[in-house]
N, C-alpha and C. Protein backbone atom coordinates (compact mmCIF):
# COMPACT_ATOMS: atom_id res chain seq x y z
N MET A 1 18.32 -9.98 14.53
CA MET A 1 17.21 -9.20 13.99
C MET A 1 16.03 -9.31 14.96
N GLU A 2 15.58 -8.16 15.43
CA GLU A 2 14.48 -8.12 16.38
C GLU A 2 13.16 -8.01 15.62
N SER A 3 12.16 -8.69 16.12
CA SER A 3 10.86 -8.69 15.46
C SER A 3 9.96 -7.61 16.05
N VAL A 4 9.20 -6.95 15.20
CA VAL A 4 8.25 -5.94 15.63
C VAL A 4 6.91 -6.62 15.83
N ASP A 5 6.36 -6.51 17.03
CA ASP A 5 5.11 -7.18 17.34
C ASP A 5 3.95 -6.19 17.34
N VAL A 6 2.73 -6.72 17.22
CA VAL A 6 1.53 -5.90 17.32
C VAL A 6 1.53 -5.22 18.69
N GLY A 7 1.28 -3.93 18.69
CA GLY A 7 1.31 -3.14 19.92
C GLY A 7 2.64 -2.45 20.15
N GLY A 8 3.69 -2.92 19.47
CA GLY A 8 5.01 -2.32 19.61
C GLY A 8 5.18 -1.11 18.70
N GLN A 9 6.25 -0.39 18.94
CA GLN A 9 6.56 0.79 18.14
C GLN A 9 7.14 0.37 16.79
N ALA A 10 6.65 0.97 15.73
CA ALA A 10 7.12 0.68 14.38
C ALA A 10 8.46 1.35 14.14
N PRO A 11 9.42 0.65 13.57
CA PRO A 11 10.70 1.27 13.23
C PRO A 11 10.51 2.39 12.21
N ASP A 12 11.17 3.50 12.44
CA ASP A 12 11.08 4.66 11.56
C ASP A 12 12.35 4.71 10.70
N VAL A 13 12.32 3.99 9.60
CA VAL A 13 13.49 3.84 8.74
C VAL A 13 13.48 4.91 7.65
N LEU A 14 14.66 5.39 7.30
CA LEU A 14 14.82 6.33 6.20
C LEU A 14 15.03 5.54 4.92
N LEU A 15 14.14 5.73 3.94
CA LEU A 15 14.23 5.05 2.65
C LEU A 15 14.26 6.09 1.54
N ARG A 16 14.29 5.63 0.31
CA ARG A 16 14.29 6.51 -0.86
C ARG A 16 13.03 6.26 -1.68
N ASP A 17 12.48 7.34 -2.24
CA ASP A 17 11.38 7.15 -3.19
C ASP A 17 11.99 6.84 -4.56
N THR A 18 11.17 6.67 -5.56
CA THR A 18 11.69 6.27 -6.88
C THR A 18 12.43 7.41 -7.58
N GLN A 19 12.37 8.63 -7.04
CA GLN A 19 13.14 9.74 -7.58
C GLN A 19 14.43 9.96 -6.79
N GLY A 20 14.69 9.11 -5.79
CA GLY A 20 15.92 9.19 -5.01
C GLY A 20 15.85 10.08 -3.79
N ARG A 21 14.69 10.66 -3.50
CA ARG A 21 14.56 11.52 -2.32
C ARG A 21 14.42 10.66 -1.06
N GLY A 22 15.09 11.10 0.02
CA GLY A 22 14.98 10.41 1.30
C GLY A 22 13.63 10.67 1.95
N VAL A 23 13.01 9.61 2.48
CA VAL A 23 11.70 9.73 3.13
C VAL A 23 11.69 8.84 4.37
N ARG A 24 11.26 9.40 5.50
CA ARG A 24 11.11 8.60 6.72
C ARG A 24 9.73 7.97 6.72
N LEU A 25 9.64 6.73 7.16
CA LEU A 25 8.34 6.04 7.21
C LEU A 25 7.34 6.78 8.09
N SER A 26 7.82 7.40 9.16
CA SER A 26 6.90 8.11 10.07
C SER A 26 6.18 9.26 9.38
N ALA A 27 6.71 9.76 8.28
CA ALA A 27 6.03 10.83 7.55
C ALA A 27 4.68 10.36 7.01
N PHE A 28 4.53 9.08 6.80
CA PHE A 28 3.29 8.56 6.25
C PHE A 28 2.24 8.31 7.32
N TRP A 29 2.65 7.78 8.45
CA TRP A 29 1.65 7.48 9.49
C TRP A 29 1.39 8.67 10.41
N ALA A 30 2.06 9.78 10.21
CA ALA A 30 1.86 10.96 11.07
C ALA A 30 0.44 11.50 10.99
N ASP A 31 -0.20 11.42 9.82
CA ASP A 31 -1.54 12.00 9.71
C ASP A 31 -2.63 10.98 9.41
N ARG A 32 -2.27 9.76 9.13
CA ARG A 32 -3.30 8.73 8.97
C ARG A 32 -2.67 7.35 9.05
N PRO A 33 -3.42 6.35 9.49
CA PRO A 33 -2.87 5.00 9.58
C PRO A 33 -2.33 4.57 8.21
N THR A 34 -1.24 3.82 8.25
CA THR A 34 -0.55 3.45 7.02
C THR A 34 -0.36 1.95 6.94
N VAL A 35 -0.72 1.40 5.79
CA VAL A 35 -0.48 -0.01 5.51
C VAL A 35 0.80 -0.08 4.69
N ILE A 36 1.81 -0.74 5.24
CA ILE A 36 3.08 -0.89 4.55
C ILE A 36 3.16 -2.32 4.03
N PHE A 37 3.25 -2.45 2.71
CA PHE A 37 3.42 -3.75 2.08
C PHE A 37 4.88 -3.88 1.66
N PHE A 38 5.58 -4.84 2.25
CA PHE A 38 6.94 -5.16 1.85
C PHE A 38 6.83 -6.24 0.77
N LEU A 39 7.41 -5.97 -0.39
CA LEU A 39 7.32 -6.89 -1.52
C LEU A 39 8.57 -7.76 -1.62
N ARG A 40 8.40 -8.92 -2.26
CA ARG A 40 9.57 -9.72 -2.63
C ARG A 40 10.24 -9.02 -3.82
N HIS A 41 11.24 -9.63 -4.37
CA HIS A 41 11.97 -9.00 -5.47
C HIS A 41 11.06 -8.73 -6.66
N LEU A 42 11.38 -7.67 -7.37
CA LEU A 42 10.65 -7.36 -8.60
C LEU A 42 11.01 -8.44 -9.61
N GLY A 43 10.02 -8.96 -10.27
CA GLY A 43 10.22 -10.06 -11.20
C GLY A 43 9.70 -11.38 -10.66
N CYS A 44 9.50 -11.48 -9.35
CA CYS A 44 8.98 -12.70 -8.74
C CYS A 44 7.53 -12.92 -9.18
N PRO A 45 7.18 -14.13 -9.62
CA PRO A 45 5.79 -14.38 -9.99
C PRO A 45 4.82 -14.07 -8.85
N CYS A 46 5.21 -14.40 -7.63
CA CYS A 46 4.33 -14.16 -6.49
C CYS A 46 4.17 -12.66 -6.21
N THR A 47 5.22 -11.87 -6.48
CA THR A 47 5.10 -10.43 -6.32
C THR A 47 4.07 -9.88 -7.29
N GLY A 48 4.07 -10.41 -8.51
CA GLY A 48 3.06 -9.98 -9.49
C GLY A 48 1.65 -10.25 -8.99
N GLU A 49 1.43 -11.40 -8.40
CA GLU A 49 0.11 -11.73 -7.86
C GLU A 49 -0.23 -10.87 -6.66
N GLN A 50 0.76 -10.63 -5.78
CA GLN A 50 0.51 -9.78 -4.62
C GLN A 50 0.17 -8.36 -5.05
N LEU A 51 0.90 -7.84 -6.03
CA LEU A 51 0.61 -6.48 -6.52
C LEU A 51 -0.79 -6.38 -7.09
N GLU A 52 -1.23 -7.41 -7.78
CA GLU A 52 -2.60 -7.40 -8.33
C GLU A 52 -3.63 -7.35 -7.20
N ALA A 53 -3.42 -8.11 -6.13
CA ALA A 53 -4.34 -8.10 -4.99
C ALA A 53 -4.33 -6.73 -4.30
N ILE A 54 -3.15 -6.14 -4.14
CA ILE A 54 -3.07 -4.82 -3.52
C ILE A 54 -3.78 -3.79 -4.39
N ARG A 55 -3.50 -3.83 -5.70
CA ARG A 55 -4.13 -2.90 -6.65
C ARG A 55 -5.65 -2.97 -6.55
N ARG A 56 -6.16 -4.15 -6.44
CA ARG A 56 -7.60 -4.37 -6.34
C ARG A 56 -8.17 -3.80 -5.04
N ASP A 57 -7.39 -3.86 -3.95
CA ASP A 57 -7.90 -3.45 -2.63
C ASP A 57 -7.52 -2.04 -2.20
N VAL A 58 -6.71 -1.34 -2.97
CA VAL A 58 -6.35 0.03 -2.60
C VAL A 58 -7.59 0.89 -2.34
N PRO A 59 -8.62 0.86 -3.21
CA PRO A 59 -9.79 1.70 -2.93
C PRO A 59 -10.44 1.39 -1.58
N ARG A 60 -10.53 0.11 -1.22
CA ARG A 60 -11.13 -0.25 0.08
C ARG A 60 -10.26 0.20 1.23
N LEU A 61 -8.94 0.03 1.11
CA LEU A 61 -8.03 0.42 2.18
C LEU A 61 -8.06 1.93 2.39
N GLU A 62 -8.09 2.68 1.30
CA GLU A 62 -8.13 4.14 1.41
C GLU A 62 -9.49 4.62 1.91
N ALA A 63 -10.57 3.99 1.47
CA ALA A 63 -11.90 4.38 1.94
C ALA A 63 -12.05 4.14 3.44
N ALA A 64 -11.31 3.18 3.97
CA ALA A 64 -11.35 2.89 5.40
C ALA A 64 -10.44 3.83 6.20
N GLY A 65 -9.79 4.77 5.53
CA GLY A 65 -8.96 5.75 6.22
C GLY A 65 -7.48 5.48 6.18
N GLY A 66 -7.05 4.47 5.44
CA GLY A 66 -5.63 4.12 5.41
C GLY A 66 -4.88 4.71 4.24
N ARG A 67 -3.59 4.76 4.39
CA ARG A 67 -2.67 5.13 3.32
C ARG A 67 -1.91 3.85 2.96
N VAL A 68 -1.55 3.71 1.69
CA VAL A 68 -0.84 2.51 1.22
C VAL A 68 0.57 2.89 0.77
N VAL A 69 1.55 2.19 1.34
CA VAL A 69 2.96 2.36 0.98
C VAL A 69 3.50 0.99 0.57
N LEU A 70 4.18 0.96 -0.58
CA LEU A 70 4.82 -0.26 -1.06
C LEU A 70 6.33 -0.09 -0.89
N ILE A 71 6.97 -1.10 -0.32
CA ILE A 71 8.43 -1.08 -0.20
C ILE A 71 8.96 -2.23 -1.04
N THR A 72 9.88 -1.88 -1.92
CA THR A 72 10.45 -2.85 -2.83
C THR A 72 11.96 -2.91 -2.64
N LEU A 73 12.54 -3.98 -3.11
CA LEU A 73 13.98 -4.14 -3.06
C LEU A 73 14.67 -3.36 -4.17
N GLY A 74 13.87 -2.73 -5.03
CA GLY A 74 14.40 -1.86 -6.07
C GLY A 74 14.97 -2.61 -7.25
N PRO A 75 15.79 -1.98 -8.02
CA PRO A 75 16.25 -0.60 -7.97
C PRO A 75 15.17 0.38 -8.41
N ALA A 76 15.44 1.67 -8.22
CA ALA A 76 14.44 2.71 -8.48
C ALA A 76 13.90 2.66 -9.90
N GLU A 77 14.78 2.42 -10.89
CA GLU A 77 14.30 2.41 -12.28
C GLU A 77 13.35 1.24 -12.55
N ARG A 78 13.46 0.16 -11.81
CA ARG A 78 12.52 -0.95 -11.95
C ARG A 78 11.27 -0.73 -11.10
N ALA A 79 11.42 0.00 -10.00
CA ALA A 79 10.28 0.25 -9.11
C ALA A 79 9.40 1.38 -9.62
N ALA A 80 9.96 2.32 -10.34
CA ALA A 80 9.21 3.49 -10.82
C ALA A 80 7.95 3.11 -11.61
N PRO A 81 7.98 2.11 -12.50
CA PRO A 81 6.75 1.77 -13.23
C PRO A 81 5.60 1.33 -12.33
N LEU A 82 5.90 0.87 -11.11
CA LEU A 82 4.83 0.51 -10.18
C LEU A 82 3.96 1.73 -9.88
N CYS A 83 4.60 2.88 -9.81
CA CYS A 83 3.87 4.11 -9.49
C CYS A 83 2.76 4.38 -10.48
N SER A 84 3.04 4.14 -11.75
CA SER A 84 2.03 4.44 -12.77
C SER A 84 0.91 3.41 -12.80
N SER A 85 1.12 2.25 -12.20
CA SER A 85 0.07 1.24 -12.20
C SER A 85 -0.84 1.33 -10.97
N PHE A 86 -0.57 2.29 -10.09
CA PHE A 86 -1.37 2.51 -8.89
C PHE A 86 -1.87 3.95 -8.89
N PRO A 87 -2.91 4.24 -8.09
CA PRO A 87 -3.33 5.64 -7.96
C PRO A 87 -2.17 6.48 -7.41
N PRO A 88 -2.14 7.78 -7.69
CA PRO A 88 -1.06 8.64 -7.20
C PRO A 88 -0.92 8.65 -5.68
N SER A 89 -1.96 8.28 -4.97
CA SER A 89 -1.92 8.27 -3.51
C SER A 89 -1.03 7.14 -2.95
N VAL A 90 -0.76 6.12 -3.76
CA VAL A 90 0.07 4.99 -3.31
C VAL A 90 1.54 5.37 -3.50
N VAL A 91 2.31 5.22 -2.43
CA VAL A 91 3.73 5.59 -2.44
C VAL A 91 4.57 4.33 -2.63
N VAL A 92 5.58 4.42 -3.50
CA VAL A 92 6.51 3.32 -3.73
C VAL A 92 7.88 3.77 -3.23
N LEU A 93 8.46 2.98 -2.32
CA LEU A 93 9.78 3.27 -1.77
C LEU A 93 10.74 2.13 -2.10
N VAL A 94 12.02 2.45 -2.08
CA VAL A 94 13.07 1.50 -2.43
C VAL A 94 13.95 1.25 -1.21
N ASP A 95 14.24 -0.02 -0.94
CA ASP A 95 15.09 -0.42 0.19
C ASP A 95 16.17 -1.37 -0.31
N LEU A 96 17.14 -0.81 -1.04
CA LEU A 96 18.20 -1.63 -1.63
C LEU A 96 19.02 -2.38 -0.58
N GLU A 97 19.25 -1.74 0.56
CA GLU A 97 20.08 -2.36 1.61
C GLU A 97 19.27 -3.25 2.56
N GLN A 98 17.96 -3.33 2.34
CA GLN A 98 17.06 -4.15 3.14
C GLN A 98 17.06 -3.74 4.62
N GLN A 99 17.26 -2.46 4.88
CA GLN A 99 17.24 -1.96 6.26
C GLN A 99 15.86 -2.08 6.87
N ALA A 100 14.83 -1.66 6.13
CA ALA A 100 13.46 -1.73 6.66
C ALA A 100 13.02 -3.18 6.79
N TYR A 101 13.37 -4.00 5.82
CA TYR A 101 13.01 -5.43 5.90
C TYR A 101 13.56 -6.02 7.20
N GLY A 102 14.82 -5.73 7.48
CA GLY A 102 15.44 -6.23 8.71
C GLY A 102 14.82 -5.64 9.96
N ALA A 103 14.56 -4.33 9.93
CA ALA A 103 14.00 -3.65 11.10
C ALA A 103 12.62 -4.19 11.46
N TYR A 104 11.87 -4.64 10.46
CA TYR A 104 10.52 -5.17 10.69
C TYR A 104 10.52 -6.70 10.87
N GLY A 105 11.69 -7.30 10.94
CA GLY A 105 11.79 -8.73 11.24
C GLY A 105 11.45 -9.65 10.09
N LEU A 106 11.59 -9.17 8.86
CA LEU A 106 11.31 -10.01 7.70
C LEU A 106 12.57 -10.79 7.33
N VAL A 107 12.41 -12.07 7.10
CA VAL A 107 13.55 -12.96 6.91
C VAL A 107 13.76 -13.34 5.45
N ARG A 108 14.90 -13.91 5.21
CA ARG A 108 15.23 -14.49 3.90
C ARG A 108 14.85 -15.96 3.95
N GLY A 109 14.23 -16.43 2.89
CA GLY A 109 13.75 -17.80 2.85
C GLY A 109 14.76 -18.78 2.28
N GLY A 110 14.52 -20.04 2.59
CA GLY A 110 15.29 -21.13 2.01
C GLY A 110 14.57 -21.67 0.78
N LEU A 111 15.14 -22.65 0.15
CA LEU A 111 14.59 -23.20 -1.09
C LEU A 111 13.14 -23.63 -0.94
N TRP A 112 12.80 -24.30 0.15
CA TRP A 112 11.42 -24.78 0.35
C TRP A 112 10.44 -23.62 0.44
N GLN A 113 10.84 -22.55 1.12
CA GLN A 113 9.97 -21.37 1.27
C GLN A 113 9.83 -20.59 -0.03
N LEU A 114 10.86 -20.62 -0.84
CA LEU A 114 10.87 -19.84 -2.07
C LEU A 114 10.21 -20.56 -3.24
N ALA A 115 10.36 -21.88 -3.29
CA ALA A 115 9.88 -22.61 -4.47
C ALA A 115 9.25 -23.95 -4.14
N GLY A 116 8.82 -24.14 -2.90
CA GLY A 116 8.19 -25.39 -2.50
C GLY A 116 6.79 -25.54 -3.08
N PRO A 117 6.17 -26.68 -2.88
CA PRO A 117 4.85 -26.96 -3.46
C PRO A 117 3.77 -25.94 -3.09
N GLN A 118 3.86 -25.33 -1.91
CA GLN A 118 2.85 -24.35 -1.50
C GLN A 118 2.89 -23.10 -2.39
N VAL A 119 3.99 -22.90 -3.10
CA VAL A 119 4.17 -21.73 -3.96
C VAL A 119 3.69 -22.01 -5.39
N TRP A 120 3.69 -23.26 -5.80
CA TRP A 120 3.46 -23.62 -7.20
C TRP A 120 2.16 -23.07 -7.79
N PRO A 121 1.00 -23.20 -7.13
CA PRO A 121 -0.23 -22.69 -7.76
C PRO A 121 -0.18 -21.18 -8.05
N THR A 122 0.29 -20.40 -7.09
CA THR A 122 0.36 -18.96 -7.28
C THR A 122 1.38 -18.60 -8.36
N ALA A 123 2.54 -19.24 -8.32
CA ALA A 123 3.58 -18.95 -9.30
C ALA A 123 3.13 -19.34 -10.71
N LEU A 124 2.48 -20.48 -10.84
CA LEU A 124 2.01 -20.92 -12.16
C LEU A 124 0.97 -19.95 -12.72
N LYS A 125 0.04 -19.52 -11.87
CA LYS A 125 -0.97 -18.55 -12.30
C LYS A 125 -0.30 -17.27 -12.79
N ALA A 126 0.68 -16.78 -12.04
CA ALA A 126 1.38 -15.55 -12.41
C ALA A 126 2.15 -15.72 -13.71
N ILE A 127 2.80 -16.84 -13.87
CA ILE A 127 3.57 -17.10 -15.09
C ILE A 127 2.64 -17.13 -16.30
N LEU A 128 1.51 -17.81 -16.16
CA LEU A 128 0.55 -17.90 -17.26
C LEU A 128 -0.04 -16.54 -17.61
N GLN A 129 -0.11 -15.63 -16.64
CA GLN A 129 -0.65 -14.29 -16.88
C GLN A 129 0.44 -13.27 -17.19
N GLY A 130 1.67 -13.73 -17.34
CA GLY A 130 2.76 -12.84 -17.70
C GLY A 130 3.23 -11.93 -16.60
N ARG A 131 3.04 -12.32 -15.35
CA ARG A 131 3.44 -11.49 -14.21
C ARG A 131 4.78 -11.94 -13.65
N VAL A 132 5.75 -12.09 -14.52
CA VAL A 132 7.08 -12.49 -14.10
C VAL A 132 8.08 -11.82 -15.04
N SER A 133 9.23 -11.45 -14.48
CA SER A 133 10.28 -10.85 -15.29
C SER A 133 11.63 -11.16 -14.64
N ARG A 134 12.67 -10.57 -15.16
CA ARG A 134 14.02 -10.77 -14.64
C ARG A 134 14.06 -10.31 -13.18
N PRO A 135 14.66 -11.09 -12.29
CA PRO A 135 14.73 -10.71 -10.87
C PRO A 135 15.48 -9.40 -10.67
N ALA A 136 15.01 -8.60 -9.72
CA ALA A 136 15.69 -7.37 -9.31
C ALA A 136 15.58 -7.28 -7.79
N GLY A 137 16.66 -7.54 -7.12
CA GLY A 137 16.66 -7.54 -5.66
C GLY A 137 17.01 -8.92 -5.13
N ASP A 138 17.07 -9.04 -3.84
CA ASP A 138 17.41 -10.29 -3.16
C ASP A 138 16.31 -11.32 -3.38
N VAL A 139 16.58 -12.35 -4.15
CA VAL A 139 15.56 -13.35 -4.48
C VAL A 139 15.15 -14.19 -3.27
N ARG A 140 15.91 -14.14 -2.21
CA ARG A 140 15.57 -14.92 -1.02
C ARG A 140 14.72 -14.14 -0.01
N GLN A 141 14.60 -12.82 -0.17
CA GLN A 141 13.86 -12.00 0.80
C GLN A 141 12.37 -12.31 0.75
N LEU A 142 11.78 -12.59 1.91
CA LEU A 142 10.35 -12.82 1.99
C LEU A 142 9.62 -11.50 2.26
N ALA A 143 8.33 -11.49 1.99
CA ALA A 143 7.51 -10.29 2.06
C ALA A 143 6.85 -10.13 3.44
N GLY A 144 6.07 -9.07 3.58
CA GLY A 144 5.32 -8.84 4.81
C GLY A 144 4.40 -7.64 4.64
N ALA A 145 3.57 -7.42 5.66
CA ALA A 145 2.67 -6.26 5.66
C ALA A 145 2.42 -5.84 7.11
N PHE A 146 2.33 -4.52 7.30
CA PHE A 146 2.13 -3.96 8.63
C PHE A 146 1.16 -2.79 8.54
N LEU A 147 0.28 -2.69 9.51
CA LEU A 147 -0.59 -1.52 9.66
C LEU A 147 -0.06 -0.74 10.85
N ILE A 148 0.26 0.53 10.61
CA ILE A 148 0.82 1.39 11.64
C ILE A 148 -0.19 2.51 11.93
N ASP A 149 -0.52 2.72 13.22
CA ASP A 149 -1.46 3.79 13.56
C ASP A 149 -0.73 5.13 13.63
N ARG A 150 -1.47 6.20 13.91
CA ARG A 150 -0.89 7.55 13.89
C ARG A 150 0.12 7.79 15.01
N GLN A 151 0.11 6.97 16.01
CA GLN A 151 1.09 7.09 17.09
C GLN A 151 2.33 6.24 16.81
N GLY A 152 2.35 5.57 15.66
CA GLY A 152 3.50 4.75 15.30
C GLY A 152 3.49 3.35 15.89
N ARG A 153 2.33 2.91 16.37
CA ARG A 153 2.21 1.55 16.91
C ARG A 153 1.76 0.59 15.83
N VAL A 154 2.29 -0.60 15.88
CA VAL A 154 1.91 -1.65 14.94
C VAL A 154 0.56 -2.21 15.36
N ARG A 155 -0.41 -2.21 14.46
CA ARG A 155 -1.75 -2.72 14.74
C ARG A 155 -2.04 -4.03 14.02
N TYR A 156 -1.25 -4.35 13.02
CA TYR A 156 -1.38 -5.61 12.27
C TYR A 156 0.01 -5.93 11.75
N ALA A 157 0.39 -7.21 11.85
CA ALA A 157 1.69 -7.63 11.33
C ALA A 157 1.54 -8.98 10.63
N HIS A 158 2.10 -9.07 9.45
CA HIS A 158 2.13 -10.33 8.71
C HIS A 158 3.53 -10.49 8.12
N ARG A 159 4.16 -11.59 8.49
CA ARG A 159 5.47 -11.95 7.93
C ARG A 159 5.27 -13.22 7.12
N ALA A 160 5.56 -13.15 5.84
CA ALA A 160 5.34 -14.30 4.96
C ALA A 160 6.19 -15.48 5.39
N SER A 161 5.57 -16.66 5.36
CA SER A 161 6.30 -17.88 5.68
C SER A 161 6.82 -18.56 4.42
N HIS A 162 6.35 -18.11 3.25
CA HIS A 162 6.83 -18.59 1.95
C HIS A 162 6.47 -17.56 0.89
N SER A 163 6.93 -17.75 -0.32
CA SER A 163 6.77 -16.76 -1.38
C SER A 163 5.33 -16.40 -1.70
N ALA A 164 4.42 -17.33 -1.54
CA ALA A 164 3.01 -17.09 -1.90
C ALA A 164 2.13 -16.85 -0.68
N ASP A 165 2.73 -16.53 0.45
CA ASP A 165 1.99 -16.26 1.69
C ASP A 165 1.71 -14.76 1.77
N PHE A 166 0.49 -14.37 1.44
CA PHE A 166 0.11 -12.96 1.38
C PHE A 166 -0.68 -12.56 2.62
N PRO A 167 -0.66 -11.27 2.96
CA PRO A 167 -1.43 -10.80 4.12
C PRO A 167 -2.93 -10.86 3.85
N ASP A 168 -3.70 -10.91 4.91
CA ASP A 168 -5.15 -10.95 4.84
C ASP A 168 -5.68 -9.51 4.79
N HIS A 169 -6.07 -9.07 3.61
CA HIS A 169 -6.54 -7.70 3.45
C HIS A 169 -7.81 -7.42 4.25
N ASP A 170 -8.66 -8.42 4.42
CA ASP A 170 -9.87 -8.22 5.22
C ASP A 170 -9.52 -7.98 6.69
N ALA A 171 -8.50 -8.66 7.19
CA ALA A 171 -8.05 -8.42 8.57
C ALA A 171 -7.47 -7.02 8.71
N ILE A 172 -6.74 -6.56 7.71
CA ILE A 172 -6.20 -5.20 7.73
C ILE A 172 -7.36 -4.20 7.73
N LEU A 173 -8.36 -4.45 6.90
CA LEU A 173 -9.53 -3.56 6.84
C LEU A 173 -10.27 -3.53 8.18
N THR A 174 -10.39 -4.66 8.83
CA THR A 174 -11.04 -4.71 10.15
C THR A 174 -10.30 -3.80 11.12
N ARG A 175 -8.97 -3.90 11.15
CA ARG A 175 -8.17 -3.05 12.05
C ARG A 175 -8.29 -1.58 11.67
N LEU A 176 -8.29 -1.29 10.36
CA LEU A 176 -8.45 0.10 9.92
C LEU A 176 -9.79 0.66 10.36
N ASN A 177 -10.83 -0.14 10.24
CA ASN A 177 -12.17 0.31 10.66
C ASN A 177 -12.23 0.57 12.16
N GLU A 178 -11.45 -0.17 12.94
CA GLU A 178 -11.37 0.09 14.38
C GLU A 178 -10.67 1.42 14.65
N LEU A 179 -9.65 1.74 13.84
CA LEU A 179 -8.90 2.98 14.01
C LEU A 179 -9.63 4.19 13.45
N CYS A 180 -10.38 3.97 12.37
CA CYS A 180 -11.02 5.07 11.63
C CYS A 180 -12.49 4.75 11.39
N PRO A 181 -13.34 4.81 12.41
CA PRO A 181 -14.77 4.54 12.17
C PRO A 181 -15.30 5.41 11.04
N ALA A 182 -16.06 4.83 10.19
CA ALA A 182 -16.67 5.51 9.04
C ALA A 182 -15.64 6.10 8.09
N GLY A 183 -14.40 5.57 8.13
CA GLY A 183 -13.40 6.03 7.19
C GLY A 183 -12.71 7.32 7.58
N PHE A 184 -13.07 7.91 8.72
CA PHE A 184 -12.43 9.14 9.13
C PHE A 184 -11.16 8.81 9.90
N PRO A 185 -10.08 9.56 9.68
CA PRO A 185 -8.86 9.31 10.42
C PRO A 185 -9.10 9.38 11.92
N GLU A 186 -8.41 8.51 12.64
CA GLU A 186 -8.55 8.46 14.10
C GLU A 186 -8.14 9.79 14.72
N SER A 187 -8.67 10.07 15.86
CA SER A 187 -8.29 11.30 16.57
C SER A 187 -7.00 11.04 17.32
N SER A 188 -6.26 12.10 17.58
CA SER A 188 -4.97 11.97 18.27
C SER A 188 -5.16 11.73 19.74
């Protein structure tokens, strides 16, 4: 599995939306920079916490000129409710075969990465707030986030080192502001 580095070309993987339609990732970054959040399995307590942080920051990311895409391990019927909990501008895609996860260099974790002490505070908070359900997807798959510019270059990359390792939204916003001064999409 090859890793995608900052400055490198982003893999253009064909995925499915929650209605089963095929969509290429490049369709999203063609007209504006795109923040792609790769999620852990649906049902993971840490995924619930990550989704809450993304939900909170979508307005800032979009105001800075970015588009937000969520990639989940699916299945579509479990991923579809995510759409209703986000603004219509946020796209939810399904990657059952983990092709995009692999193409972007996201790894599967071991026991320590999935349930070690560094995960406990986030998982406990999520459990107490009811942000956990039956697993759907590869429970070992770790998450990540990437900012892709309009030319398809990676401008920010975060690969989780454990289940509760989330990307720095302020760092993503900084990069977006460099690409889109005053929130306007960058010029070609």
